[in-house]
């Protein structure tokens, strides 16, 4: 009888633990989606700030970067890094980035 009770308690603990693990996986998927949306939004703001400068060199580089991203040749993190580099190269500061919003 004690063995049956111990087995039932162990089964309940396993079911509870399994539900916790499933919730952790679902939460991580949500975090990944939010992080991806954040990266897309920041890339959009950076592109708008760069487009406001209207330099031919910036326009050509932006066209190349966005085309490469759309074709899947570069990842979103790489796109953001290259946009940061362009912002620094053309000395576009945070206030100009905020105005692009």
Protein backbone atom coordinates (compact mmCIF):
# COMPACT_ATOMS: atom_id res chain seq x y z
CA UNK A 1 0.00 0.00 0.00
CA UNK A 2 2.83 2.39 0.85
CA UNK A 3 4.42 1.62 -2.46
CA UNK A 4 1.24 2.58 -4.34
CA UNK A 5 0.97 5.88 -2.44
CA UNK A 6 4.64 6.65 -3.13
CA UNK A 7 4.12 5.91 -6.85
CA UNK A 8 1.09 8.23 -6.98
CA UNK A 9 3.00 11.03 -5.23
CA UNK A 10 5.95 10.53 -7.60
CA UNK A 11 3.60 10.66 -10.62
CA UNK A 12 2.02 13.89 -9.36
CA UNK A 13 5.47 15.44 -8.84
CA UNK A 14 6.54 14.39 -12.34
CA UNK A 15 3.40 15.88 -13.92
CA UNK A 16 3.90 19.13 -12.01
CA UNK A 17 7.58 19.30 -13.03
CA UNK A 18 6.67 18.60 -16.67
CA UNK A 19 4.16 21.48 -16.67
CA UNK A 20 6.81 23.83 -15.26
CA UNK A 21 9.26 22.85 -17.98
CA UNK A 22 6.63 23.39 -20.70
CA UNK A 23 5.90 26.86 -19.30
CA UNK A 24 9.60 27.74 -19.37
CA UNK A 25 9.85 26.77 -23.04
CA UNK A 26 6.77 28.84 -23.92
CA UNK A 27 8.15 31.84 -22.03
CA UNK A 28 11.46 31.62 -23.88
CA UNK A 29 9.63 31.58 -27.21
CA UNK A 30 7.79 34.76 -26.20
CA UNK A 31 11.06 36.43 -25.14
CA UNK A 32 12.64 35.54 -28.49
CA UNK A 33 9.69 37.12 -30.33
CA UNK A 34 9.92 40.30 -28.27
CA UNK A 35 13.67 40.50 -28.79
CA UNK A 36 13.24 40.05 -32.54
CA UNK A 37 10.59 42.81 -32.64
CA UNK A 38 12.87 45.10 -30.66
CA UNK A 39 15.74 44.53 -33.10
CA UNK A 40 13.45 45.17 -36.07
CA UNK A 41 12.15 48.39 -34.50
CA UNK A 42 15.63 49.70 -33.72
CA UNK A 43 16.79 48.87 -37.24
CA UNK A 44 13.82 50.80 -38.63
CA UNK A 45 14.63 53.88 -36.52
CA UNK A 46 18.28 53.74 -37.52
CA UNK A 47 17.37 53.49 -41.20
CA UNK A 48 15.01 56.48 -40.91
CA UNK A 49 17.72 58.54 -39.21
CA UNK A 50 20.21 57.63 -41.93
CA UNK A 51 17.71 58.38 -44.71
CA UNK A 52 17.15 61.86 -43.27
CA UNK A 53 20.82 62.69 -43.94
CA UNK A 54 20.44 62.33 -47.72
CA UNK A 55 24.02 61.48 -48.59
CA UNK A 56 24.51 59.41 -51.72
CA UNK A 57 26.95 57.11 -49.90
CA UNK A 58 24.39 56.43 -47.18
CA UNK A 59 21.61 55.77 -49.69
CA UNK A 60 23.71 53.25 -51.60
CA UNK A 61 24.83 51.46 -48.45
CA UNK A 62 21.29 51.36 -47.02
CA UNK A 63 19.94 49.92 -50.26
CA UNK A 64 22.63 47.25 -50.23
CA UNK A 65 22.11 46.38 -46.56
CA UNK A 66 18.34 46.16 -46.76
CA UNK A 67 18.52 44.06 -49.93
CA UNK A 68 20.98 41.69 -48.27
CA UNK A 69 18.71 41.40 -45.23
CA UNK A 70 15.63 40.71 -47.35
CA UNK A 71 17.48 38.00 -49.30
CA UNK A 72 18.63 36.43 -46.03
CA UNK A 73 22.32 37.03 -46.64
CA UNK A 74 22.76 38.83 -43.31
CA UNK A 75 21.03 38.32 -39.98
CA UNK A 76 19.13 41.00 -38.07
CA UNK A 77 21.92 41.39 -35.50
CA UNK A 78 24.45 41.97 -38.30
CA UNK A 79 22.12 44.52 -39.92
CA UNK A 80 21.87 46.45 -36.65
CA UNK A 81 25.64 46.35 -36.19
CA UNK A 82 26.26 47.72 -39.67
CA UNK A 83 23.63 50.42 -39.14
CA UNK A 84 25.39 51.39 -35.90
CA UNK A 85 28.63 51.65 -37.84
CA UNK A 86 26.98 53.94 -40.42
CA UNK A 87 25.49 56.10 -37.67
CA UNK A 88 28.92 56.48 -36.09
CA UNK A 89 30.68 57.04 -39.43
CA UNK A 90 28.37 59.88 -40.42
CA UNK A 91 28.27 61.21 -36.85
CA UNK A 92 24.52 60.89 -36.40
CA UNK A 93 23.82 61.32 -32.71
CA UNK A 94 20.98 60.12 -30.48
CA UNK A 95 18.90 63.28 -30.88
CA UNK A 96 18.81 62.83 -34.65
CA UNK A 97 17.87 59.22 -34.11
CA UNK A 98 15.04 60.29 -31.79
CA UNK A 99 13.81 62.81 -34.36
CA UNK A 100 13.51 60.00 -36.91
CA UNK A 101 10.78 58.45 -34.77
